[in-house]
Amino acid sequence: MPVIQAIATAVPPHVLAQEDIRDAALHHFSRGRRDMRRLIPIFDNVNVKTRHLCVPLQWYDSRHSFTDTNGEYIRWARKLGRQAAQECLQRAGRSPGDVDHLIFVSTSGLSTPSIDAHLINEMGFDAHVRRTPVFGLGCAGGAAGLSRLLDLSRVPGQGCVLLVSVELCSLTFQFHDFSKANLVASSLFSDGAAAVLVCSGSQANGARCPRIVASHSTLWPDTMDVMGWDFSEHGLGVIFSRRIPTLIGDRIRDNIAQFLERQGLGLSDLSHFLVHPGGAKILQVLAEVLELKEEQLAHSRWVLENYGNMSSPTLLFILERFQRLSNPRKGDYGLAAAFGPGFSSELILLQW
């Protein structure tokens, strides 16, 4: 059964306090809205304290073309992706040549050749390494990437599979867009990268790391308009619906129960919850619906407070923090969960 060998994360250099971003947003959005004094508390209510951005705050004082922003995306995706991948392989005691398959997940920019091709050239992977670039899964991408690790590590000849997830969400800010959706994105979005190495049981290094037991993907019908990008000549404009917390609250408990039932388990068998904090409201809804204790979402809340919503890598940041700071007992089950465009959920069952 595939075992997670190592996890590593990387962030860009500009660390900004939420108060500073809030003040800048108040100045900017007041040009196009008269209700900013009423809306600006959004920045205080999302439970974010600091965020890492690839560009300084002053960068947002002027309009940038999609050519410029996407160029920044490619530059930083290569840099952060390489940094996370190198650290992950080093922690596992592996080299790029040990990797049989490279998965690259991202939704916040475009690149052809895809970023995984850049990493293969820059890091010295085998020229014949298999690669799978994945686009369009948003916040669910990290969990979906873990699911693909499970699938691929079971294929003969795929002993070690490396997942690299990179998002530069801050670059999708739309200078001309004074909508509430763009404002909410400005209060949450940030940048980061993460890498996870999974090896089959025969190639595992013996360290106490979780096994990926099973995965479960769900695409709920008639929810296509809930989350995504609005593509235009200006770039990637965010689509957020107020329905998201309600949809999750109404459906997630049954969704998880169905998944666990297939594994012969129930909610009471789960000891640990690693949940993507798309926002404070989502964590609140999950805590209520799943009847979770405050400490069971502590890692999710901490990552949200200190890194914001990095989209797909966020769940992997939570998993890395849990693995580094927690002490799960042998045999413990944990659930990793994230939600993305579609509207969709990705669930991963882990066991230590």
Foldseek 3Di string as FASTA:
>chain_A
DKFWQFKFKDFADDKDFLVVLLVVCLVQLVVPDPCCVVVSCLLVAQQATMAGANDYPVVLVDADFLVVLQVSVLVVCLVRLLVQVVVGCVSNVHALQVAQEEEEEEAAHDDVVDSVVVNCVVRVHPPNRHYHYDYDFWLQRQLVQVQVQVVQQPDPPRFKYKYKYWYNLVSQQQSVDSDVQSVSSSSFEHTMMMMIMMGPPVPHPPPPTKDFDHKDKDQDPPCQQAWGFDQDSRGTHTGHDPCVLVVCLVPVQVVVQVVVVVVVDGLVQADAEQEACLTPSNVVSCCVSSVDDPVRCVLNSVLCHRHGHNIHCSSSSSVNVCVVPPDDDAFHKYKYWTAGRSGMIMIIIIGD
